[in-house]
């Protein structure tokens, strides 16, 4: 059993987020012209964000915008939850997305198969080329995968996916090639800060 039918909406939504990245522009000045100043990216204030249901936490540049969408699948209607933060004057979007599988499927599904299918679908739907991939685990031992890929428009996406307690989490940063190198440490710190909170 695969989940290929579950993720197109995630990818399509993320594509929209990736193409709506803000361009850094200098503000217009009404005073006499002076020597141009080199504008530096505005450094956002990073804060710990905890999901409304308490099931994950992560450092985010400000309060993310939440978007909930229902998707019809062969398993019934599955809700997709997205949390998106885009710092001003930076060409990057920070996103956490998850969907919850029905209990019976979550119990019998093969986590590695789910992660592999999610990777294949992300690359196919975005028409992207894989840069790197590796298997990882969450801080509390849940199976995961890290992938990095670039699409035809030059947007670079770095994603960590985890399958935990019936949920597929996707934690990602989408950036322009121009800012990818300067934001590399920030993106790694963001990805490292993600914590799955186990339900008891």
Protein backbone atom coordinates (compact mmCIF):
# COMPACT_ATOMS: atom_id res chain seq x y z
CA UNK A 1 0.00 0.00 0.00
CA UNK A 2 1.33 3.44 -0.90
CA UNK A 3 0.44 7.07 -0.16
CA UNK A 4 1.04 8.47 -3.63
CA UNK A 5 -2.49 9.86 -3.69
CA UNK A 6 -2.05 11.80 -0.45
CA UNK A 7 0.70 14.28 -1.13
CA UNK A 8 0.00 16.25 -4.34
CA UNK A 9 -1.81 18.93 -2.36
CA UNK A 10 1.12 19.31 0.02
CA UNK A 11 3.53 19.73 -2.87
CA UNK A 12 1.20 22.04 -4.83
CA UNK A 13 0.71 24.26 -1.80
CA UNK A 14 4.43 24.34 -1.14
CA UNK A 15 5.08 25.27 -4.74
CA UNK A 16 2.78 28.25 -4.31
CA UNK A 17 4.64 29.21 -1.14
CA UNK A 18 7.98 28.81 -2.89
CA UNK A 19 7.10 31.03 -5.82
CA UNK A 20 5.62 33.76 -3.66
CA UNK A 21 8.91 34.50 -1.94
CA UNK A 22 9.53 38.15 -1.20
CA UNK A 23 12.12 40.04 -3.24
CA UNK A 24 14.50 42.23 -1.27
CA UNK A 25 14.05 45.82 -2.42
CA UNK A 26 15.38 49.11 -1.13
CA UNK A 27 12.70 51.49 0.17
CA UNK A 28 12.06 54.59 -1.94
CA UNK A 29 13.38 57.79 -0.40
CA UNK A 30 11.80 61.19 -0.90
CA UNK A 31 14.90 63.12 0.28
CA UNK A 32 17.82 64.16 -1.89
CA UNK A 33 19.73 61.22 -3.36
CA UNK A 34 22.76 60.04 -1.41
CA UNK A 35 25.24 57.26 -1.87
CA UNK A 36 23.30 53.98 -2.12
CA UNK A 37 23.43 51.84 0.99
CA UNK A 38 23.80 48.09 0.70
CA UNK A 39 20.70 46.58 2.26
CA UNK A 40 21.20 43.61 4.54
CA UNK A 41 18.44 41.03 5.02
CA UNK A 42 16.27 41.91 8.00
CA UNK A 43 16.98 39.44 10.78
CA UNK A 44 13.66 38.08 12.07
CA UNK A 45 13.03 37.31 15.74
CA UNK A 46 13.00 33.55 16.12
CA UNK A 47 10.59 32.12 18.66
CA UNK A 48 9.63 28.64 19.78
CA UNK A 49 6.35 27.68 18.13
CA UNK A 50 4.28 24.82 19.54
CA UNK A 51 1.52 23.30 17.42
CA UNK A 52 -2.03 24.04 18.63
CA UNK A 53 -2.48 20.35 19.51
CA UNK A 54 0.92 20.25 21.24
CA UNK A 55 2.26 17.45 19.00
CA UNK A 56 5.36 19.29 17.71
CA UNK A 57 7.51 22.31 18.43
CA UNK A 58 9.98 24.23 16.28
CA UNK A 59 11.79 27.56 16.12
CA UNK A 60 10.03 29.90 13.66
CA UNK A 61 10.81 33.44 12.44
CA UNK A 62 7.66 34.95 13.93
CA UNK A 63 4.19 33.44 14.17
CA UNK A 64 3.47 31.17 11.18
CA UNK A 65 0.27 31.38 9.15
CA UNK A 66 -1.86 28.27 9.54
CA UNK A 67 -3.75 26.72 6.64
CA UNK A 68 -5.94 23.62 6.90
CA UNK A 69 -7.10 21.79 3.78
CA UNK A 70 -9.14 18.61 3.38
CA UNK A 71 -8.07 16.11 0.73
CA UNK A 72 -10.15 13.18 -0.53
CA UNK A 73 -8.20 9.92 -0.69
CA UNK A 74 -9.01 6.23 -1.02
CA UNK A 75 -8.83 6.13 2.80
CA UNK A 76 -11.42 8.89 3.18
CA UNK A 77 -10.97 12.62 3.82
CA UNK A 78 -7.57 13.49 5.28
CA UNK A 79 -6.76 16.92 6.66
CA UNK A 80 -3.51 18.60 5.70
CA UNK A 81 -2.17 21.14 8.19
CA UNK A 82 0.36 23.75 7.02
CA UNK A 83 2.26 26.34 9.04
CA UNK A 84 4.16 28.88 6.90
CA UNK A 85 6.49 31.72 7.94
CA UNK A 86 8.16 34.10 5.48
CA UNK A 87 10.54 36.68 6.97
CA UNK A 88 10.33 40.13 5.35
CA UNK A 89 12.95 40.95 2.71
CA UNK A 90 14.28 37.39 2.59
CA UNK A 91 13.78 34.99 -0.28
CA UNK A 92 12.89 32.03 1.92
CA UNK A 93 9.82 30.29 3.31
CA UNK A 94 9.83 28.06 6.40
CA UNK A 95 7.09 25.43 6.37
CA UNK A 96 5.84 22.60 8.56
CA UNK A 97 3.18 20.37 7.00
CA UNK A 98 1.61 17.23 8.30
CA UNK A 99 -1.21 14.86 7.56
CA UNK A 100 -2.66 12.23 9.86
CA UNK A 101 -3.42 8.76 8.54
CA UNK A 102 -6.39 6.71 9.71
CA UNK A 103 -5.41 4.65 12.76
CA UNK A 104 -5.57 1.25 11.03
CA UNK A 105 -3.34 2.40 8.14
CA UNK A 106 -0.88 4.13 10.47
CA UNK A 107 -0.47 0.89 12.42
CA UNK A 108 0.27 -1.36 9.43
CA UNK A 109 2.10 1.05 7.10
CA UNK A 110 5.81 0.67 6.44
CA UNK A 111 7.43 3.97 7.54
CA UNK A 112 10.31 3.70 5.04
CA UNK A 113 7.87 3.12 2.18
CA UNK A 114 5.87 6.19 3.20
CA UNK A 115 9.04 8.33 3.34
CA UNK A 116 10.33 7.01 -0.02
CA UNK A 117 6.96 7.65 -1.69
CA UNK A 118 6.84 11.17 -0.25
CA UNK A 119 10.32 11.87 -1.68
CA UNK A 120 9.45 10.45 -5.12
CA UNK A 121 6.23 12.44 -5.29
CA UNK A 122 7.90 15.70 -4.21
CA UNK A 123 10.54 15.39 -6.94
CA UNK A 124 8.06 14.34 -9.63
CA UNK A 125 5.42 16.97 -8.87
CA UNK A 126 7.89 19.86 -8.62
CA UNK A 127 9.95 18.60 -11.59
CA UNK A 128 13.04 18.89 -9.42
CA UNK A 129 16.50 17.34 -9.41
CA UNK A 130 17.67 15.61 -6.23
CA UNK A 131 20.82 17.13 -4.72
CA UNK A 132 21.17 14.88 -1.67
CA UNK A 133 19.30 12.41 0.52
CA UNK A 134 19.93 10.56 3.77
CA UNK A 135 18.00 8.55 6.32
CA UNK A 136 17.64 10.21 9.72
CA UNK A 137 15.73 9.79 12.99
CA UNK A 138 13.89 12.29 15.15
CA UNK A 139 15.31 13.10 18.58
CA UNK A 140 12.96 10.50 20.06
CA UNK A 141 13.73 7.79 17.52
CA UNK A 142 11.08 8.11 14.80
CA UNK A 143 12.21 7.19 11.26
CA UNK A 144 12.89 10.07 8.92
CA UNK A 145 14.53 11.23 5.74
CA UNK A 146 16.33 14.41 4.72
CA UNK A 147 16.29 15.45 1.08
CA UNK A 148 17.48 18.52 -0.78
CA UNK A 149 16.40 19.32 -4.32
CA UNK A 150 16.30 22.16 -6.85
CA UNK A 151 13.45 22.93 -9.25
CA UNK A 152 13.64 24.36 -12.77
CA UNK A 153 13.08 27.88 -11.43
CA UNK A 154 16.17 27.60 -9.22
CA UNK A 155 14.35 27.32 -5.88
CA UNK A 156 16.17 25.02 -3.46
CA UNK A 157 14.14 23.00 -0.98
CA UNK A 158 15.63 21.26 2.03
CA UNK A 159 13.15 18.94 3.74
CA UNK A 160 13.16 16.62 6.71
CA UNK A 161 10.29 14.14 6.82
CA UNK A 162 9.31 12.01 9.80
CA UNK A 163 6.69 9.31 10.28
CA UNK A 164 5.54 9.40 13.90
CA UNK A 165 2.43 8.01 15.58
CA UNK A 166 0.37 7.87 12.39
CA UNK A 167 1.50 11.25 11.04
CA UNK A 168 3.78 12.23 8.19
CA UNK A 169 5.57 15.48 9.10
CA UNK A 170 7.41 17.54 6.49
CA UNK A 171 9.67 20.30 7.79
CA UNK A 172 11.11 22.39 4.97
CA UNK A 173 12.83 25.55 3.92
CA UNK A 174 12.43 26.83 0.35
CA UNK A 175 14.97 29.46 -0.70
CA UNK A 176 16.32 31.15 -3.79
CA UNK A 177 19.73 30.14 -5.09
CA UNK A 178 20.88 33.68 -4.34
CA UNK A 179 20.18 33.45 -0.60
CA UNK A 180 20.63 29.71 -0.11
CA UNK A 181 24.30 29.89 0.87
CA UNK A 182 23.91 32.87 3.21
CA UNK A 183 20.94 31.20 4.94
CA UNK A 184 22.46 27.69 5.12
CA UNK A 185 23.29 27.84 8.86
CA UNK A 186 19.90 29.36 9.68
CA UNK A 187 18.09 26.67 7.69
CA UNK A 188 20.05 23.90 9.44
CA UNK A 189 19.27 25.43 12.84
CA UNK A 190 15.59 25.61 11.91
CA UNK A 191 15.49 21.96 10.81
CA UNK A 192 17.41 20.86 13.93
CA UNK A 193 14.93 22.61 16.22
CA UNK A 194 11.97 20.44 15.16
CA UNK A 195 10.75 18.16 17.95
CA UNK A 196 8.00 15.55 17.77
CA UNK A 197 6.06 15.53 21.04
CA UNK A 198 4.76 12.05 21.78
CA UNK A 199 1.13 11.69 22.69
CA UNK A 200 0.56 9.76 25.88
